[in-house]
C-alpha cells in the first residue's frame, strides 16, 4: 500500500515539473483573429469582409470560416474592382465565393469613371480611385464594421492602426480618435453614420501569413508563385503590360521568371524576380528579404512619403 502511494506521489511530482502547454506563434495569431471575428459578430449589426482574392483576404476568409464552422460565415463580401485587376485573381475570387456559397458585392471604379464621378489619372493608376466607390458602398449598404487584411508590418501608416479603427461619417481616419486596446478588449461603439474598420491580421507579418498558408494548405492564385510573364520596367519595378497604359515609348517588354508578393491594381503592382515555385521556396525567399512587400512592389505607396496615410485619412483601406 505504501509503495503504491509513493508511486502516485512521484507521478504527480513529475507532472508538476513538466513544461506548461503553450500555443505556437501561428496558433496564437489564429486564436486572436478568430476571437476578433466572433467579437465583431456579437457587437455589430452588419459587418462585411473586404475580399479581393489577394493572399491576405484569402487568409482572412479562411479564418472567418474557421471561426463559425460548421455554421456559415455570417458576413457578406465586398470587393472594389478597379477594372485593372489581374484576371487570375478575379477568377480565384469568383471560385471562392461559389465554393463557400457566399454573397459578394462589387463596387466598380469603371462605373464611376463612365458616370463622370471619377476621372482617370494621367499615369493610369486606379488604386487611389478606389476610395469613393468603397466609402459609398459602405454608406449605401449600411455596413457598420468592415474587415480589412491590413497588417502593421506592411507600412508605417498601417503600423499606427488599431485592430478596431473608428471611421467618421465620411469614412475618414483620425489617429487622434483611435482607442486603446488593452488586454484584447475592443471598443466598437460608434455614432450613427460612423463605422469601424477591423483588422484581424494586424499582428501578423508577411512571413506569418505564408507559414500559415503552408500549414493550412490554403489554395492561392498562381501569380504568387514563380512563372514566366511578359513585363517591362518602370521606376525600378517590373509591371505587367495592359490596357491601363503600359508600356510607354522606350519601355521594352521582356519575358522574365517572376512572381508577385502582393496583388493590387496591375498599374501599380510590381513583380519580383523569383524562381520560387513552391510554398517552401517562397517562405525561404521571404525570410531572407529585407524589404516589405509594399515597399518593394507598390508604386502607389511611393507617390509621396505620406501617400498611405493621406489615403487612409480620406477613407482608403
Protein backbone atom coordinates (compact mmCIF):
# COMPACT_ATOMS: atom_id res chain seq x y z
CA UNK A 1 0.00 0.00 0.00
CA UNK A 2 2.79 2.39 0.96
CA UNK A 3 4.73 1.66 -2.21
CA UNK A 4 1.66 2.34 -4.33
CA UNK A 5 1.07 5.73 -2.64
CA UNK A 6 4.73 6.68 -3.10
CA UNK A 7 4.49 5.85 -6.81
CA UNK A 8 1.41 8.07 -7.24
CA UNK A 9 3.10 10.98 -5.47
CA UNK A 10 6.12 10.56 -7.71
CA UNK A 11 3.96 10.72 -10.85
CA UNK A 12 2.30 13.89 -9.57
CA UNK A 13 5.67 15.49 -8.84
CA UNK A 14 6.90 14.68 -12.36
CA UNK A 15 3.83 16.30 -13.91
CA UNK A 16 4.35 19.47 -11.85
CA UNK A 17 7.84 19.76 -13.25
CA UNK A 18 6.74 19.35 -16.88
CA UNK A 19 6.78 22.33 -19.22
CA UNK A 20 3.36 24.09 -19.39
CA UNK A 21 1.38 23.77 -22.60
CA UNK A 22 1.98 26.72 -24.93
CA UNK A 23 0.46 27.67 -28.27
CA UNK A 24 2.76 28.02 -31.25
CA UNK A 25 3.02 31.56 -32.62
CA UNK A 26 0.72 30.63 -35.52
CA UNK A 27 -1.84 29.11 -33.15
CA UNK A 28 -1.73 32.29 -31.05
CA UNK A 29 -2.26 34.51 -34.10
CA UNK A 30 -5.09 32.29 -35.34
CA UNK A 31 -6.76 32.32 -31.91
CA UNK A 32 -6.56 36.12 -31.75
CA UNK A 33 -8.07 36.51 -35.24
CA UNK A 34 -10.89 34.04 -34.51
CA UNK A 35 -11.66 35.96 -31.30
CA UNK A 36 -11.84 39.23 -33.30
CA UNK A 37 -14.27 37.74 -35.85
CA UNK A 38 -16.54 36.44 -33.10
CA UNK A 39 -16.33 39.74 -31.20
CA UNK A 40 -17.46 41.64 -34.29
CA UNK A 41 -20.30 39.19 -34.91
CA UNK A 42 -21.52 39.86 -31.37
CA UNK A 43 -21.10 43.65 -31.36
CA UNK A 44 -22.15 44.82 -34.83
CA UNK A 45 -25.32 44.54 -36.91
CA UNK A 46 -23.99 44.40 -40.48
CA UNK A 47 -20.28 43.58 -40.92
CA UNK A 48 -18.64 42.91 -44.30
CA UNK A 49 -15.30 41.38 -45.34
CA UNK A 50 -13.20 43.15 -47.97
CA UNK A 51 -12.23 40.33 -50.33
CA UNK A 52 -10.07 40.87 -53.40
CA UNK A 53 -8.66 37.39 -53.93
CA UNK A 54 -5.26 38.51 -52.64
CA UNK A 55 -3.41 36.37 -50.10
CA UNK A 56 -4.29 38.43 -47.01
CA UNK A 57 -8.01 38.50 -47.79
CA UNK A 58 -7.84 34.76 -48.57
CA UNK A 59 -6.32 34.06 -45.15
CA UNK A 60 -8.91 36.36 -43.57
CA UNK A 61 -11.76 34.42 -45.20
CA UNK A 62 -10.18 31.11 -44.11
CA UNK A 63 -10.10 32.38 -40.51
CA UNK A 64 -13.73 33.55 -40.72
CA UNK A 65 -14.77 30.11 -41.96
CA UNK A 66 -12.94 28.53 -39.01
CA UNK A 67 -14.42 30.99 -36.53
CA UNK A 68 -18.01 29.98 -37.29
CA UNK A 69 -17.75 26.39 -38.55
CA UNK A 70 -19.86 24.36 -39.02
CA UNK A 71 -22.24 27.32 -39.42
CA UNK A 72 -21.91 29.56 -42.48
CA UNK A 73 -19.93 32.82 -42.29
CA UNK A 74 -22.43 35.48 -41.09
CA UNK A 75 -20.91 38.22 -43.25
CA UNK A 76 -21.10 39.21 -46.90
CA UNK A 77 -18.02 40.10 -49.00
CA UNK A 78 -17.14 43.38 -50.73
CA UNK A 79 -14.60 43.96 -53.50
CA UNK A 80 -13.66 47.31 -55.03
CA UNK A 81 -12.83 46.36 -58.62
CA UNK A 82 -10.54 48.88 -60.34
CA UNK A 83 -11.07 47.32 -63.77
CA UNK A 84 -7.31 46.72 -63.91
CA UNK A 85 -7.16 43.70 -61.62
CA UNK A 86 -5.20 40.58 -62.53
CA UNK A 87 -7.52 38.07 -64.27
CA UNK A 88 -6.05 35.17 -62.27
CA UNK A 89 -7.04 36.90 -59.02
CA UNK A 90 -10.57 37.68 -60.16
CA UNK A 91 -11.01 34.05 -61.24
CA UNK A 92 -9.91 32.90 -57.79
CA UNK A 93 -12.27 35.41 -56.13
CA UNK A 94 -15.28 34.09 -58.04
CA UNK A 95 -14.37 30.43 -57.40
CA UNK A 96 -14.02 31.08 -53.65
CA UNK A 97 -17.38 32.85 -53.49
CA UNK A 98 -19.09 29.96 -55.32
CA UNK A 99 -17.30 27.26 -53.30
CA UNK A 100 -18.38 28.67 -49.93
CA UNK A 101 -21.81 29.87 -51.10
CA UNK A 102 -21.09 33.49 -50.12
CA UNK A 103 -22.62 36.76 -51.26
CA UNK A 104 -20.27 39.23 -52.97
CA UNK A 105 -20.87 42.94 -53.54
CA UNK A 106 -18.66 44.53 -56.22
CA UNK A 107 -18.06 48.29 -56.33
CA UNK A 108 -16.73 49.16 -59.78
CA UNK A 109 -14.28 52.02 -60.35
CA UNK A 110 -15.01 51.79 -64.09
CA UNK A 111 -18.70 52.53 -63.47
CA UNK A 112 -17.77 55.68 -61.57
CA UNK A 113 -15.47 56.76 -64.41
CA UNK A 114 -18.19 56.08 -67.00
CA UNK A 115 -20.65 58.14 -64.96
CA UNK A 116 -18.20 61.07 -64.74
CA UNK A 117 -17.92 60.83 -60.95
CA UNK A 118 -14.23 59.93 -61.18
CA UNK A 119 -11.57 60.83 -63.72
CA UNK A 120 -8.73 58.66 -64.97
CA UNK A 121 -5.34 59.71 -63.66
CA UNK A 122 -2.69 60.69 -66.23
CA UNK A 123 -0.47 57.83 -65.03
CA UNK A 124 -3.28 55.25 -65.42
CA UNK A 125 -3.07 54.19 -61.76
CA UNK A 126 -6.51 53.43 -60.34
CA UNK A 127 -5.72 52.32 -56.79
CA UNK A 128 -6.25 55.86 -55.40
CA UNK A 129 -9.62 55.94 -57.19
CA UNK A 130 -10.97 53.11 -55.02
CA UNK A 131 -11.75 55.39 -52.08
CA UNK A 132 -15.04 56.88 -53.38
CA UNK A 133 -16.58 53.55 -54.53
CA UNK A 134 -15.51 51.95 -51.23
CA UNK A 135 -16.90 54.65 -48.96
CA UNK A 136 -20.16 54.96 -50.91
CA UNK A 137 -20.66 51.17 -50.85
CA UNK A 138 -20.20 51.21 -47.07
CA UNK A 139 -22.67 54.08 -46.66
CA UNK A 140 -25.28 52.86 -49.15
CA UNK A 141 -25.26 49.26 -47.90
CA UNK A 142 -25.11 50.45 -44.27
CA UNK A 143 -22.14 48.33 -43.19
CA UNK A 144 -21.12 49.17 -39.63
CA UNK A 145 -17.97 47.03 -39.48
CA UNK A 146 -15.57 46.43 -42.38
CA UNK A 147 -12.91 43.71 -42.14
CA UNK A 148 -9.64 44.51 -43.93
CA UNK A 149 -6.47 42.48 -44.39
CA UNK A 150 -4.04 45.27 -43.47
CA UNK A 151 -1.04 44.35 -41.32
CA UNK A 152 1.15 46.61 -39.20
CA UNK A 153 4.37 45.33 -40.76
CA UNK A 154 3.36 46.49 -44.26
CA UNK A 155 3.77 50.25 -43.98
CA UNK A 156 4.33 52.92 -41.33
CA UNK A 157 0.80 54.40 -41.57
CA UNK A 158 -0.67 50.93 -41.05
CA UNK A 159 1.64 50.45 -38.06
CA UNK A 160 -0.41 53.17 -36.30
CA UNK A 161 -3.67 51.33 -36.91
CA UNK A 162 -5.70 49.78 -34.12
CA UNK A 163 -7.46 46.43 -34.58
CA UNK A 164 -10.77 48.32 -34.26
CA UNK A 165 -10.23 51.53 -36.25
CA UNK A 166 -13.00 54.11 -35.92
CA UNK A 167 -14.04 55.98 -39.08
CA UNK A 168 -16.27 59.05 -39.05
CA UNK A 169 -19.43 59.64 -41.09
CA UNK A 170 -17.24 60.46 -44.11
CA UNK A 171 -15.22 57.22 -43.64
CA UNK A 172 -12.18 59.30 -42.69
CA UNK A 173 -9.50 58.12 -40.29
CA UNK A 174 -8.23 60.34 -37.48
CA UNK A 175 -5.36 58.79 -35.49
CA UNK A 176 -6.22 61.02 -32.51
CA UNK A 177 -9.64 59.36 -32.16
CA UNK A 178 -8.31 55.82 -32.00
CA UNK A 179 -8.93 53.95 -28.77
CA UNK A 180 -6.59 51.95 -26.53
CA UNK A 181 -6.90 48.16 -26.83
CA UNK A 182 -5.55 46.80 -23.58
CA UNK A 183 -5.82 43.06 -22.89
CA UNK A 184 -7.53 42.48 -26.26
CA UNK A 185 -10.58 44.47 -25.20
CA UNK A 186 -12.09 46.10 -28.29
CA UNK A 187 -14.42 49.09 -28.19
CA UNK A 188 -16.82 49.01 -31.13
CA UNK A 189 -19.03 51.92 -30.06
CA UNK A 190 -19.76 54.36 -32.87
CA UNK A 191 -22.27 57.10 -33.65
CA UNK A 192 -24.89 56.76 -36.39
CA UNK A 193 -23.21 57.11 -39.78
CA UNK A 194 -19.81 56.09 -38.44
CA UNK A 195 -18.32 52.63 -38.85
CA UNK A 196 -15.33 50.61 -37.66
CA UNK A 197 -12.63 49.10 -39.83
CA UNK A 198 -11.44 45.83 -38.31
CA UNK A 199 -8.02 44.29 -38.95
CA UNK A 200 -7.75 40.67 -37.69
CA UNK A 201 -4.27 40.27 -39.22
CA UNK A 202 -2.80 43.40 -37.60
CA UNK A 203 -0.18 41.48 -35.62
CA UNK A 204 0.78 39.11 -38.43
CA UNK A 205 3.86 39.52 -40.62
CA UNK A 206 4.21 38.56 -44.27
CA UNK A 207 6.20 35.52 -43.14
CA UNK A 208 3.46 34.53 -40.66
CA UNK A 209 0.88 34.70 -43.46
CA UNK A 210 2.90 32.41 -45.71
CA UNK A 211 3.72 29.95 -42.93
CA UNK A 212 0.02 29.80 -42.05
CA UNK A 213 -0.93 29.25 -45.70
CA UNK A 214 1.55 26.35 -45.83
CA UNK A 215 0.30 24.85 -42.57
CA UNK A 216 -3.37 25.09 -43.51
CA UNK A 217 -2.92 24.03 -47.14
CA UNK A 218 -4.69 27.15 -48.42
CA UNK A 219 -5.01 27.49 -52.19
CA UNK A 220 -3.72 30.74 -53.76
CA UNK A 221 -3.84 32.34 -57.21
CA UNK A 222 -0.92 31.07 -59.29
CA UNK A 223 0.66 34.53 -59.72
CA UNK A 224 2.01 34.29 -56.16
CA UNK A 225 4.45 31.63 -57.43
CA UNK A 226 7.23 31.97 -59.99
CA UNK A 227 6.06 31.89 -63.60
CA UNK A 228 7.13 33.34 -66.94
CA UNK A 229 5.44 36.67 -67.71
CA UNK A 230 5.91 39.50 -70.16
CA UNK A 231 6.83 42.56 -68.11
CA UNK A 232 8.50 45.93 -68.59
CA UNK A 233 10.47 48.10 -66.19
CA UNK A 234 9.20 51.42 -64.82
CA UNK A 235 10.64 53.26 -61.82
CA UNK A 236 12.64 50.18 -60.84
CA UNK A 237 9.64 47.80 -60.88
CA UNK A 238 8.56 45.07 -63.28
CA UNK A 239 5.00 45.88 -64.38
CA UNK A 240 2.59 43.82 -66.49
CA UNK A 241 1.56 45.24 -69.85
CA UNK A 242 -2.14 46.04 -70.17
CA UNK A 243 -4.83 48.42 -71.35
CA UNK A 244 -4.14 50.68 -68.36
CA UNK A 245 -1.29 52.41 -70.22
CA UNK A 246 1.85 50.33 -70.32
CA UNK A 247 4.37 50.02 -71.73
CA UNK A 248 5.06 53.54 -72.96
CA UNK A 249 7.56 54.56 -75.59
CA UNK A 250 11.03 53.48 -74.52
CA UNK A 251 9.73 50.77 -72.16
CA UNK A 252 10.63 47.43 -73.71
CA UNK A 253 8.63 44.32 -72.73
CA UNK A 254 10.59 41.18 -71.94
CA UNK A 255 9.75 37.73 -70.66
CA UNK A 256 11.09 37.04 -67.17
CA UNK A 257 10.61 34.48 -64.41
CA UNK A 258 8.72 36.45 -61.75
CA UNK A 259 6.14 36.22 -59.01
CA UNK A 260 4.02 38.69 -57.03
CA UNK A 261 4.44 39.32 -53.31
CA UNK A 262 1.32 41.47 -53.09
CA UNK A 263 -1.55 41.90 -55.53
CA UNK A 264 -3.33 45.15 -56.34
CA UNK A 265 -4.08 47.11 -59.48
CA UNK A 266 -1.92 45.99 -62.45
CA UNK A 267 -0.85 49.59 -62.96
CA UNK A 268 0.91 49.88 -59.61
CA UNK A 269 1.84 46.35 -58.53
CA UNK A 270 5.33 45.20 -59.44
CA UNK A 271 6.54 41.64 -59.84
CA UNK A 272 9.81 40.42 -58.34
CA UNK A 273 12.39 38.19 -60.00
CA UNK A 274 11.98 34.79 -58.41
CA UNK A 275 12.36 31.07 -59.03
CA UNK A 276 10.16 30.16 -56.02
CA UNK A 277 7.56 27.76 -57.39
CA UNK A 278 6.60 26.09 -54.08
CA UNK A 279 5.40 27.29 -50.68
CA UNK A 280 8.66 26.24 -49.02
CA UNK A 281 10.68 28.18 -51.59
CA UNK A 282 8.52 31.29 -51.14
CA UNK A 283 8.88 31.11 -47.35
CA UNK A 284 12.67 30.81 -47.66
CA UNK A 285 12.72 33.79 -50.04
CA UNK A 286 10.62 35.99 -47.73
CA UNK A 287 12.66 35.06 -44.66
CA UNK A 288 15.78 36.39 -46.42
CA UNK A 289 14.12 39.59 -47.70
CA UNK A 290 14.92 42.96 -46.11
CA UNK A 291 12.17 44.91 -47.89
CA UNK A 292 8.48 44.85 -47.02
CA UNK A 293 6.18 43.64 -49.77
CA UNK A 294 4.59 47.06 -50.25
CA UNK A 295 7.93 48.86 -50.07
CA UNK A 296 9.34 46.62 -52.77
CA UNK A 297 6.41 46.30 -55.17
CA UNK A 298 3.76 49.02 -54.76
CA UNK A 299 4.12 52.20 -56.84
CA UNK A 300 1.06 53.79 -55.21
CA UNK A 301 2.91 53.91 -51.87
CA UNK A 302 5.82 55.79 -53.48
CA UNK A 303 3.83 58.79 -54.71
CA UNK A 304 4.87 60.67 -51.54
CA UNK A 305 6.38 59.96 -48.14
CA UNK A 306 2.91 60.03 -46.60
CA UNK A 307 0.94 58.52 -49.50
CA UNK A 308 -0.72 55.75 -47.48
CA UNK A 309 -1.54 57.97 -44.51
CA UNK A 310 -3.09 60.62 -46.78
CA UNK A 311 -5.30 57.99 -48.46
CA UNK A 312 -6.31 56.48 -45.10
CA UNK A 313 -7.44 59.92 -43.90
CA UNK A 314 -9.65 60.13 -46.99
CA UNK A 315 -11.27 56.75 -46.31
CA UNK A 316 -8.95 54.27 -48.06
CA UNK A 317 -8.37 50.76 -46.67
